[in-house]
Amino acid sequence: MATAGEVADLARERDRRVLQMVRRSGRVLGDALADAVNFFNPAVVVLGGSLAAAQGELLAGAREVVYHRSLALATRDLQIVASTLGERAGIVGAAHLVLDRILTPASIDRWLADHDRPGSRRASPPVAEAAGGR
C-alpha cells in the first residue's frame, strides 16, 4: 500500500488487518489529541482525510483514548467527528484563516482610518495591509 487512500479503500472493504491497523493508528492519534483536549477544552475535534472517513475506525480509536485520558469536564460535551469537506478541507481552512486575519477589528479600523480621507480611491484593503504590512 502506498497511499492513505488505498488504506481507506481496504478499510471500506472491511479487510480485518487493515481495520486493526487503522484503529491502532486512531489510538496513537487519540493519545496526542487527549493532551490538546485537556489544554484547549474544545467543543468539537474534526478529523479530515480519507482515513477519517473510512468506516470510522480511526475515529473510534481516537475517541477511545481521548475519552479515557482526558478530564471529564473537557469531554462532557466533546464531539470527535469526521470532516464533511473531503478534499476541499485544506483550501476552506486556509480561506478561513485569511478572512479571520483580514476582518479583525484592528484591521478594519486601520483600513477605515487610511481610506476615510477625501479623495481616497481604494475600495478594498489589500491582503498585504490586512496581514500586517503597510
Protein backbone atom coordinates (compact mmCIF):
# COMPACT_ATOMS: atom_id res chain seq x y z
CA MET A 1 0.00 0.00 0.00
CA ALA A 2 1.36 3.38 -0.98
CA THR A 3 -1.29 5.91 -0.01
CA ALA A 4 -3.82 6.67 2.70
CA GLY A 5 -6.49 6.40 0.00
CA GLU A 6 -5.52 2.80 -0.68
CA VAL A 7 -5.65 2.01 3.04
CA ALA A 8 -9.08 3.66 3.20
CA ASP A 9 -10.28 1.56 0.26
CA LEU A 10 -9.22 -1.63 2.04
CA ALA A 11 -10.92 -0.43 5.22
CA ARG A 12 -14.14 0.10 3.27
CA GLU A 13 -13.80 -3.46 2.01
CA ARG A 14 -13.63 -4.50 5.70
CA ASP A 15 -10.11 -6.02 5.48
CA ARG A 16 -9.63 -7.17 9.08
CA ARG A 17 -5.89 -6.48 9.28
CA VAL A 18 -6.31 -3.01 7.79
CA LEU A 19 -9.17 -2.18 10.17
CA GLN A 20 -6.99 -3.20 13.13
CA MET A 21 -4.12 -1.05 11.83
CA VAL A 22 -6.38 1.96 11.29
CA ARG A 23 -7.90 1.54 14.78
CA ARG A 24 -4.40 1.34 16.28
CA SER A 25 -3.43 4.49 14.38
CA GLY A 26 -6.52 6.18 15.77
CA ARG A 27 -5.38 5.31 19.29
CA VAL A 28 -1.98 6.90 18.64
CA LEU A 29 -3.73 9.99 17.30
CA GLY A 30 -6.04 9.96 20.31
CA ASP A 31 -3.03 9.99 22.61
CA ALA A 32 -1.90 13.29 21.12
CA LEU A 33 -5.44 14.68 20.95
CA ALA A 34 -6.06 13.95 24.63
CA ASP A 35 -3.40 16.47 25.62
CA ALA A 36 -4.87 19.09 23.30
CA VAL A 37 -8.41 18.41 24.59
CA ASN A 38 -7.28 18.80 28.20
CA PHE A 39 -5.47 22.05 27.40
CA PHE A 40 -7.89 23.76 24.99
CA ASN A 41 -11.23 22.18 26.05
CA PRO A 42 -12.73 22.33 22.52
CA ALA A 43 -16.37 21.61 21.78
CA VAL A 44 -15.53 19.73 18.57
CA VAL A 45 -12.47 17.99 17.12
CA VAL A 46 -12.75 17.49 13.36
CA LEU A 47 -10.52 14.93 11.67
CA GLY A 48 -10.08 15.01 7.92
CA GLY A 49 -8.64 12.87 5.21
CA SER A 50 -9.57 9.61 3.60
CA LEU A 51 -8.79 7.53 6.68
CA ALA A 52 -11.08 9.58 8.91
CA ALA A 53 -13.96 8.90 6.55
CA ALA A 54 -13.20 5.17 6.10
CA GLN A 55 -15.55 3.12 8.23
CA GLY A 56 -14.95 5.21 11.35
CA GLU A 57 -12.13 3.01 12.69
CA LEU A 58 -9.72 5.93 13.00
CA LEU A 59 -12.35 7.97 14.83
CA ALA A 60 -13.25 5.06 17.09
CA GLY A 61 -9.62 4.56 18.11
CA ALA A 62 -9.10 8.27 18.72
CA ARG A 63 -12.32 8.58 20.74
CA GLU A 64 -11.42 5.55 22.84
CA VAL A 65 -8.17 7.14 24.05
CA VAL A 66 -9.38 10.75 24.26
CA TYR A 67 -12.37 9.86 26.43
CA HIS A 68 -10.21 7.60 28.62
CA ARG A 69 -7.28 10.03 29.10
CA SER A 70 -8.98 13.43 29.12
CA LEU A 71 -10.62 15.19 32.02
CA ALA A 72 -14.33 14.50 32.41
CA LEU A 73 -15.09 18.22 32.25
CA ALA A 74 -13.25 18.51 28.91
CA THR A 75 -15.07 15.57 27.33
CA ARG A 76 -18.58 16.02 28.75
CA ASP A 77 -19.84 17.75 25.58
CA LEU A 78 -16.90 16.96 23.27
CA GLN A 79 -17.62 15.69 19.77
CA ILE A 80 -14.96 13.97 17.67
CA VAL A 81 -16.20 13.84 14.09
CA ALA A 82 -15.02 13.28 10.53
CA SER A 83 -14.83 16.31 8.26
CA THR A 84 -17.52 16.58 5.64
CA LEU A 85 -15.40 18.79 3.39
CA GLY A 86 -13.38 15.99 1.81
CA GLU A 87 -10.54 17.19 -0.40
CA ARG A 88 -11.67 20.81 -0.01
CA ALA A 89 -10.81 20.90 3.71
CA GLY A 90 -7.35 22.42 3.27
CA ILE A 91 -8.42 25.25 0.98
CA VAL A 92 -11.52 26.05 3.07
CA GLY A 93 -9.39 26.15 6.22
CA ALA A 94 -6.83 28.42 4.55
CA ALA A 95 -9.58 30.76 3.35
CA HIS A 96 -10.97 31.00 6.88
CA LEU A 97 -7.53 31.84 8.26
CA VAL A 98 -7.11 34.62 5.71
CA LEU A 99 -10.58 36.02 6.40
CA ASP A 100 -10.01 35.87 10.17
CA ARG A 101 -6.86 37.92 9.70
CA ILE A 102 -8.34 40.43 7.25
CA LEU A 103 -11.56 41.01 9.18
CA THR A 104 -10.13 41.65 12.64
CA PRO A 105 -11.48 44.82 14.23
CA ALA A 106 -7.97 46.33 14.25
CA SER A 107 -7.51 45.64 10.51
CA ILE A 108 -10.87 47.16 9.64
CA ASP A 109 -10.23 50.21 11.86
CA ARG A 110 -6.80 50.71 10.26
CA TRP A 111 -8.23 50.38 6.75
CA LEU A 112 -11.05 52.81 7.51
CA ALA A 113 -8.61 55.31 9.00
CA ASP A 114 -6.36 55.07 5.94
CA HIS A 115 -9.23 55.37 3.45
CA ASP A 116 -11.63 57.76 5.15
CA ARG A 117 -9.93 60.76 3.62
CA PRO A 118 -11.36 62.95 0.89
CA GLY A 119 -10.13 61.77 -2.49
CA SER A 120 -9.30 58.24 -1.33
CA ARG A 121 -9.93 55.89 -4.26
CA ARG A 122 -9.08 52.43 -2.98
CA ALA A 123 -12.25 50.45 -2.47
CA SER A 124 -10.89 47.36 -0.71
CA PRO A 125 -7.97 46.62 1.59
CA PRO A 126 -5.03 44.80 0.02
CA VAL A 127 -4.23 41.47 1.67
CA ALA A 128 -0.71 42.71 2.47
CA GLU A 129 -2.14 45.56 4.55
CA ALA A 130 -4.60 43.29 6.30
CA ALA A 131 -1.81 40.82 7.08
CA GLY A 132 0.16 43.49 8.92
CA GLY A 133 2.21 45.01 6.10
CA ARG A 134 1.76 48.67 5.30
